[in-house]
N, C-alpha and C. Protein backbone atom coordinates (compact mmCIF):
# COMPACT_ATOMS: atom_id res chain seq x y z
N MET A 1 86.49 31.13 16.50
CA MET A 1 87.20 30.11 15.99
C MET A 1 88.45 31.01 16.11
N ASP A 2 89.89 30.14 16.54
CA ASP A 2 91.18 30.80 16.69
C ASP A 2 91.60 30.86 15.09
N ASP A 3 92.49 31.88 14.70
CA ASP A 3 92.99 31.87 13.67
C ASP A 3 94.39 30.86 13.64
N VAL A 4 94.85 30.28 12.66
CA VAL A 4 95.80 29.30 12.54
C VAL A 4 96.62 29.90 11.33
N THR A 5 98.22 29.95 12.07
CA THR A 5 99.16 30.64 11.24
C THR A 5 99.77 29.30 10.44
N PRO A 6 99.78 29.39 9.01
CA PRO A 6 100.66 28.33 8.40
C PRO A 6 101.99 28.19 8.57
N GLN A 7 102.54 27.17 8.62
CA GLN A 7 103.70 26.72 8.88
C GLN A 7 104.70 27.40 7.69
N TYR A 8 104.09 27.23 6.45
CA TYR A 8 104.62 27.47 5.23
C TYR A 8 103.79 28.30 4.42
N THR A 9 104.45 29.33 3.93
CA THR A 9 103.45 30.19 3.00
C THR A 9 104.40 30.54 1.67
N CYS A 10 103.43 30.90 0.66
CA CYS A 10 103.90 31.25 -0.85
C CYS A 10 104.51 32.64 -0.72
N GLY A 11 105.76 32.56 -1.39
CA GLY A 11 106.55 33.89 -1.33
C GLY A 11 105.80 34.88 -2.20
N SER A 12 104.85 34.41 -3.18
CA SER A 12 104.19 34.99 -3.90
C SER A 12 103.24 36.07 -3.39
N CYS A 13 101.95 35.22 -2.80
CA CYS A 13 100.68 35.54 -2.54
C CYS A 13 100.84 35.43 -0.98
N ARG A 14 101.72 34.91 -0.40
CA ARG A 14 101.54 34.71 1.07
C ARG A 14 100.63 33.73 1.60
N ARG A 15 100.03 33.04 0.87
CA ARG A 15 98.67 32.23 1.64
C ARG A 15 99.37 30.92 1.98
N GLY A 16 98.83 30.03 2.96
CA GLY A 16 99.62 28.89 3.38
C GLY A 16 99.60 27.97 1.97
N VAL A 17 100.54 27.30 2.49
CA VAL A 17 101.28 26.07 1.35
C VAL A 17 100.25 24.74 1.72
N LEU A 18 99.27 24.32 0.79
CA LEU A 18 98.69 23.38 1.00
C LEU A 18 99.11 22.03 0.83
N ASN A 19 100.20 21.86 -0.15
CA ASN A 19 100.51 20.36 -0.72
C ASN A 19 102.00 20.83 -0.63
N ARG A 20 103.23 20.41 -0.26
CA ARG A 20 104.40 20.53 -0.19
C ARG A 20 105.04 19.55 -1.08
N ARG A 21 104.06 18.53 -1.62
CA ARG A 21 104.74 17.70 -2.61
C ARG A 21 104.66 18.27 -4.31
N VAL A 22 104.06 19.52 -4.31
CA VAL A 22 103.91 19.97 -5.59
C VAL A 22 105.03 21.47 -5.65
N ALA A 23 105.43 21.80 -6.75
CA ALA A 23 106.22 22.82 -6.95
C ALA A 23 105.76 24.03 -6.65
N ARG A 24 104.43 24.36 -7.14
CA ARG A 24 103.96 25.47 -7.35
C ARG A 24 102.66 25.85 -6.39
N CYS A 25 102.45 26.86 -6.20
CA CYS A 25 101.32 27.40 -5.05
C CYS A 25 100.07 26.90 -5.78
N VAL A 26 99.15 26.33 -4.74
CA VAL A 26 97.67 26.28 -5.54
C VAL A 26 96.61 27.54 -5.75
N PHE A 27 96.87 28.57 -5.10
CA PHE A 27 96.51 29.67 -5.08
C PHE A 27 96.77 30.56 -6.41
N CYS A 28 98.16 30.80 -6.63
CA CYS A 28 98.61 31.88 -7.35
C CYS A 28 99.40 31.06 -8.60
N ASP A 29 99.76 29.96 -8.53
CA ASP A 29 100.39 29.11 -9.35
C ASP A 29 102.18 29.45 -9.53
N GLU A 30 102.20 30.29 -8.73
CA GLU A 30 104.06 30.70 -8.81
C GLU A 30 104.84 29.54 -8.03
N LEU A 31 105.99 29.42 -8.37
CA LEU A 31 106.81 28.54 -7.66
C LEU A 31 106.78 28.76 -6.33
N LEU A 32 107.21 27.50 -5.67
CA LEU A 32 107.46 27.98 -4.09
C LEU A 32 108.75 28.26 -3.65
N PRO A 33 108.86 29.13 -2.73
CA PRO A 33 110.37 29.43 -2.45
C PRO A 33 111.06 28.24 -1.98
N PRO A 34 112.33 27.84 -1.78
CA PRO A 34 113.22 27.31 -1.88
C PRO A 34 113.03 26.35 -0.22
N GLY A 35 112.92 25.38 0.26
CA GLY A 35 112.95 24.82 1.05
C GLY A 35 111.58 24.38 1.72
N VAL A 36 110.57 25.09 0.87
CA VAL A 36 108.87 24.72 1.03
C VAL A 36 108.87 23.18 0.70
N MET A 37 108.72 22.96 -0.80
CA MET A 37 108.76 21.94 -1.04
C MET A 37 109.11 20.70 -0.53
N LEU A 38 108.69 19.59 -0.35
CA LEU A 38 109.58 18.50 0.01
C LEU A 38 110.27 17.90 -0.83
N SER A 39 111.61 17.23 -0.52
CA SER A 39 112.35 16.74 -1.36
C SER A 39 112.00 15.23 -2.00
N ALA A 40 112.60 14.89 -2.92
CA ALA A 40 112.36 13.70 -3.67
C ALA A 40 112.01 12.51 -2.72
N ALA A 41 113.17 12.42 -1.91
CA ALA A 41 113.23 11.20 -0.93
C ALA A 41 112.02 11.48 -0.07
N GLU A 42 111.72 12.43 0.33
CA GLU A 42 110.69 13.01 1.56
C GLU A 42 109.36 12.27 0.75
N ILE A 43 109.20 12.67 -0.59
CA ILE A 43 107.70 12.31 -1.14
C ILE A 43 107.46 10.67 -1.43
N ALA A 44 108.73 10.06 -1.77
CA ALA A 44 108.54 9.03 -1.89
C ALA A 44 108.68 8.06 -0.68
N ALA A 45 109.06 8.40 0.26
CA ALA A 45 109.06 8.18 1.56
C ALA A 45 107.48 7.91 2.15
N LEU A 46 106.70 9.17 1.76
CA LEU A 46 105.32 9.65 1.99
C LEU A 46 104.40 8.40 1.21
N GLU A 47 105.09 8.33 0.13
CA GLU A 47 104.05 7.97 -0.80
C GLU A 47 103.97 6.21 -0.23
N ALA A 48 105.18 5.99 -0.28
CA ALA A 48 105.42 4.75 0.21
C ALA A 48 104.49 4.28 1.74
N GLU A 49 104.61 4.99 2.54
CA GLU A 49 103.73 4.96 3.61
C GLU A 49 102.13 4.82 3.43
N ASP A 50 101.72 5.78 2.35
CA ASP A 50 100.27 5.81 1.84
C ASP A 50 100.13 4.31 1.54
N ARG A 51 100.86 3.95 0.50
CA ARG A 51 100.66 2.58 -0.29
C ARG A 51 100.67 1.64 1.01
N GLU A 52 101.28 1.65 1.93
CA GLU A 52 101.17 0.36 3.08
C GLU A 52 100.06 0.42 3.92
N ARG A 53 99.59 1.68 4.01
CA ARG A 53 98.25 1.74 5.09
C ARG A 53 96.96 1.35 3.87
N SER A 54 97.45 1.51 2.62
CA SER A 54 96.12 1.24 1.61
C SER A 54 96.10 -0.49 1.72
N ILE A 55 97.08 -0.92 1.71
CA ILE A 55 97.20 -2.41 1.64
C ILE A 55 96.72 -2.71 2.77
N MET A 56 97.13 -2.36 3.83
CA MET A 56 96.85 -2.73 5.20
C MET A 56 95.37 -2.65 5.44
N ALA A 57 94.71 -1.65 5.00
CA ALA A 57 93.26 -1.37 5.31
C ALA A 57 92.52 -2.21 4.25
N ARG A 58 92.97 -2.54 3.18
CA ARG A 58 92.33 -3.31 2.08
C ARG A 58 92.35 -5.01 2.62
N ARG A 59 93.60 -5.28 3.44
CA ARG A 59 93.49 -6.43 3.94
C ARG A 59 92.75 -6.77 5.20
N GLN A 60 92.74 -5.60 5.92
CA GLN A 60 91.56 -5.74 7.15
C GLN A 60 90.33 -5.82 6.41
N MET A 61 89.80 -5.14 5.65
CA MET A 61 88.54 -4.95 4.99
C MET A 61 88.32 -6.67 4.48
N ALA A 62 89.10 -7.04 3.83
CA ALA A 62 89.27 -8.32 3.30
C ALA A 62 88.85 -9.58 4.50
N GLY A 63 89.74 -9.25 5.15
CA GLY A 63 89.55 -10.35 6.18
C GLY A 63 88.32 -10.42 7.53
N GLY A 64 87.51 -9.36 7.11
CA GLY A 64 86.33 -9.37 7.94
C GLY A 64 86.53 -8.90 9.15
N GLY A 65 87.60 -8.00 9.52
CA GLY A 65 88.07 -7.66 10.83
C GLY A 65 89.41 -8.06 11.37
N ARG A 66 89.89 -9.00 10.91
CA ARG A 66 91.13 -9.70 11.03
C ARG A 66 92.14 -9.20 10.18
N THR A 67 93.33 -9.25 10.28
CA THR A 67 94.38 -8.70 9.37
C THR A 67 94.84 -9.71 8.59
N MET A 68 94.92 -9.75 7.37
CA MET A 68 95.31 -10.71 6.79
C MET A 68 96.61 -10.72 6.57
N GLN A 69 97.36 -11.96 6.35
CA GLN A 69 98.84 -11.84 6.12
C GLN A 69 99.36 -11.65 4.50
N ALA A 70 100.44 -11.11 4.60
CA ALA A 70 101.14 -10.42 3.49
C ALA A 70 100.97 -11.42 1.96
N ASN A 71 100.94 -12.73 2.50
CA ASN A 71 100.90 -13.82 1.21
C ASN A 71 99.35 -14.01 1.12
N ASP A 72 98.44 -13.60 2.11
CA ASP A 72 97.14 -13.76 1.72
C ASP A 72 96.55 -12.81 0.40
N ASP A 73 95.85 -13.66 -0.34
CA ASP A 73 95.23 -13.04 -1.89
C ASP A 73 93.95 -13.06 -1.58
N PRO A 74 93.16 -12.06 -1.13
CA PRO A 74 91.66 -12.28 -1.08
C PRO A 74 90.98 -12.16 -2.52
N SER A 75 90.17 -12.92 -2.42
CA SER A 75 89.22 -12.84 -3.48
C SER A 75 88.07 -11.60 -3.75
N PRO A 76 87.93 -11.49 -5.00
CA PRO A 76 86.46 -10.26 -5.10
C PRO A 76 85.71 -10.62 -3.91
N LEU A 77 85.04 -11.76 -3.68
CA LEU A 77 84.20 -12.20 -2.71
C LEU A 77 84.52 -11.79 -1.40
N GLU A 78 85.54 -11.99 -1.09
CA GLU A 78 86.13 -11.78 0.45
C GLU A 78 86.29 -10.44 0.77
N LEU A 79 86.70 -9.59 -0.47
CA LEU A 79 86.51 -8.21 -0.35
C LEU A 79 85.26 -7.60 0.00
N ILE A 80 84.29 -8.17 -0.61
CA ILE A 80 82.90 -7.70 -0.65
C ILE A 80 82.29 -8.20 0.66
N GLU A 81 82.51 -9.27 0.98
CA GLU A 81 82.23 -9.62 2.50
C GLU A 81 82.76 -8.91 3.73
N GLY A 82 84.04 -8.44 3.59
CA GLY A 82 84.40 -7.75 4.13
C GLY A 82 83.98 -6.35 4.63
N VAL A 83 83.74 -5.92 3.31
CA VAL A 83 83.10 -4.46 3.48
C VAL A 83 81.71 -4.58 4.03
N LEU A 84 80.70 -5.75 3.80
CA LEU A 84 79.60 -5.97 4.25
C LEU A 84 79.69 -6.21 5.91
N ASP A 85 80.71 -6.83 6.14
CA ASP A 85 80.93 -6.60 7.80
C ASP A 85 80.96 -5.50 8.44
N ILE A 86 82.12 -4.71 7.81
CA ILE A 86 82.24 -3.23 8.32
C ILE A 86 80.98 -2.61 8.38
N ALA A 87 80.49 -2.48 7.24
CA ALA A 87 79.11 -1.69 6.99
C ALA A 87 77.94 -2.40 8.32
N SER A 88 77.92 -3.58 8.37
CA SER A 88 76.98 -4.06 9.51
C SER A 88 77.51 -3.49 10.68
N ASP A 89 78.84 -3.79 11.00
CA ASP A 89 79.00 -3.08 12.24
C ASP A 89 78.61 -1.56 12.43
N LEU A 90 78.93 -0.88 11.53
CA LEU A 90 78.67 0.68 11.69
C LEU A 90 77.40 0.79 11.51
N ALA A 91 76.32 0.21 11.01
CA ALA A 91 74.76 0.24 11.41
C ALA A 91 74.43 -0.01 12.48
N ASP A 92 75.15 -1.17 13.47
CA ASP A 92 74.69 -1.29 14.72
C ASP A 92 75.15 -0.70 15.53
N PHE A 93 76.60 0.29 15.21
CA PHE A 93 77.03 1.17 16.29
C PHE A 93 76.61 1.98 17.61
N GLY A 94 75.45 2.61 16.79
CA GLY A 94 74.67 3.45 18.04
C GLY A 94 74.02 2.33 18.65
N ASP A 95 73.63 1.40 18.35
CA ASP A 95 72.56 0.29 19.14
C ASP A 95 73.00 0.09 20.56
């Protein structure tokens, strides 16, 4: 296996930075060097993208494979049926 050189490292322990959304190194708990941590605007943008992906995935699951529209509010039963449809598709995947 090839060694991977991390793009960002902790200034204290020199280990790779695993999460640029937090101000401290997950290994040694020292503050990360300036410029390593993401800005508040960058973090907000990433969190908005994460929320949008999560919403779209839930809509897809609730729609049984079809993507529901933004004004569609799936019922709990529709969510369960969507999950069961996906599970059934996965079970048949190798056949």
